Amino acid sequence: MKALKLAGAAILGTAIALAGTSLASAQEFTFKLHQMLPATSPAQKNMLEPWVKQVEENSGGRVKIEIYPAMSLGGTRRNSSSRLVTGSST
C-alpha cells in the first residue's frame, strides 16, 4: 500500500512538472529591432530580414521580431546608445 502511494505521488509529481514545462515553453515573446537604415537598405533586406525569419522559424513562432527601420521609433543616431542603456524608446 505504501509503495502504491509512493508511485502515485511520483506519477502526480511528474505530471505537474511536465505540465509546468509545457506552459513555460508555450510563452511567446515579441522583440523590437530598431535600426537607423532605411527599410530598402541592403543590410535590412539581406541580413536583418533573413535573420528575423530564421529566428521565428527556429522558435516555432514563439519569438517574433518587429523591425523598425530609419529610426522610426524616434530619436536620433546620436542618442541611440543612451536609449539602449536606459531602455527608453524616446
Protein backbone atom coordinates (compact mmCIF):
# COMPACT_ATOMS: atom_id res chain seq x y z
CA MET A 1 0.00 0.00 0.00
CA LYS A 2 2.82 2.39 0.90
CA ALA A 3 4.57 1.58 -2.40
CA LEU A 4 1.35 2.31 -4.29
CA LYS A 5 1.00 5.74 -2.62
CA LEU A 6 4.64 6.49 -3.38
CA ALA A 7 4.19 5.50 -7.04
CA GLY A 8 1.04 7.64 -7.25
CA ALA A 9 2.88 10.62 -5.76
CA ALA A 10 5.73 10.12 -8.23
CA ILE A 11 3.33 10.00 -11.18
CA LEU A 12 1.49 13.08 -9.93
CA GLY A 13 4.76 14.96 -9.43
CA THR A 14 5.93 14.04 -12.92
CA ALA A 15 2.61 15.16 -14.42
CA ILE A 16 2.81 18.50 -12.63
CA ALA A 17 6.41 19.00 -13.73
CA LEU A 18 5.57 18.19 -17.35
CA ALA A 19 2.54 20.49 -17.29
CA GLY A 20 4.69 23.29 -15.91
CA THR A 21 7.29 22.71 -18.61
CA SER A 22 4.75 22.83 -21.41
CA LEU A 23 3.25 26.02 -20.01
CA ALA A 24 6.66 27.66 -19.79
CA SER A 25 7.63 26.58 -23.28
CA ALA A 26 4.36 27.94 -24.68
CA GLN A 27 5.30 31.53 -23.84
CA GLU A 28 5.61 33.92 -26.75
CA PHE A 29 7.99 36.86 -26.99
CA THR A 30 7.98 39.90 -29.27
CA PHE A 31 11.12 41.96 -29.65
CA LYS A 32 11.57 45.31 -31.36
CA LEU A 33 14.63 45.72 -33.56
CA HIS A 34 15.19 49.46 -34.05
CA GLN A 35 17.80 50.42 -36.60
CA MET A 36 18.87 53.58 -38.44
CA LEU A 37 18.97 52.39 -42.07
CA PRO A 38 16.00 52.61 -44.47
CA ALA A 39 13.80 49.56 -44.98
CA THR A 40 15.11 49.23 -48.54
CA SER A 41 18.76 49.10 -47.48
CA PRO A 42 20.82 46.03 -48.39
CA ALA A 43 21.61 45.48 -44.70
CA GLN A 44 17.93 45.12 -43.85
CA LYS A 45 16.97 43.11 -46.93
CA ASN A 46 19.99 40.78 -46.98
CA MET A 47 20.86 40.46 -43.31
CA LEU A 48 18.18 41.56 -40.85
CA GLU A 49 15.07 40.20 -42.58
CA PRO A 50 16.54 36.72 -43.25
CA TRP A 51 17.84 36.59 -39.67
CA VAL A 52 14.43 37.57 -38.26
CA LYS A 53 12.74 34.91 -40.40
CA GLN A 54 15.21 32.26 -39.23
CA VAL A 55 14.73 33.17 -35.55
CA GLU A 56 10.94 33.00 -35.92
CA GLU A 57 11.12 29.64 -37.73
CA ASN A 58 13.61 28.13 -35.28
CA SER A 59 11.45 29.16 -32.32
CA GLY A 60 8.35 27.60 -33.81
CA GLY A 61 6.75 31.02 -33.99
CA ARG A 62 7.17 31.71 -30.27
CA VAL A 63 9.68 34.51 -30.88
CA LYS A 64 8.58 37.42 -33.05
CA ILE A 65 10.85 40.27 -34.07
CA GLU A 66 9.43 43.52 -35.40
CA ILE A 67 11.89 45.59 -37.45
CA TYR A 68 11.65 49.38 -37.13
CA PRO A 69 13.85 50.94 -39.83
CA ALA A 70 15.02 54.52 -40.32
CA MET A 71 14.82 55.47 -36.64
CA SER A 72 11.03 55.06 -36.87
CA LEU A 73 10.72 54.62 -33.09
CA GLY A 74 12.11 58.10 -32.69
CA GLY A 75 15.30 59.68 -31.53
CA THR A 76 18.45 60.42 -33.43
CA ARG A 77 21.54 58.41 -34.24
CA ARG A 78 23.41 60.48 -31.69
CA ASN A 79 21.29 59.37 -28.69
CA SER A 80 20.70 55.75 -29.77
CA SER A 81 23.29 54.25 -27.43
CA SER A 82 21.98 56.12 -24.38
CA ARG A 83 18.45 54.91 -25.14
CA LEU A 84 19.73 51.37 -25.37
CA VAL A 85 21.30 51.64 -21.91
CA THR A 86 18.21 53.22 -20.29
CA GLY A 87 15.64 51.11 -22.17
CA SER A 88 13.83 54.27 -23.25
CA SER A 89 12.03 54.33 -26.60
CA THR A 90 12.04 58.12 -26.87
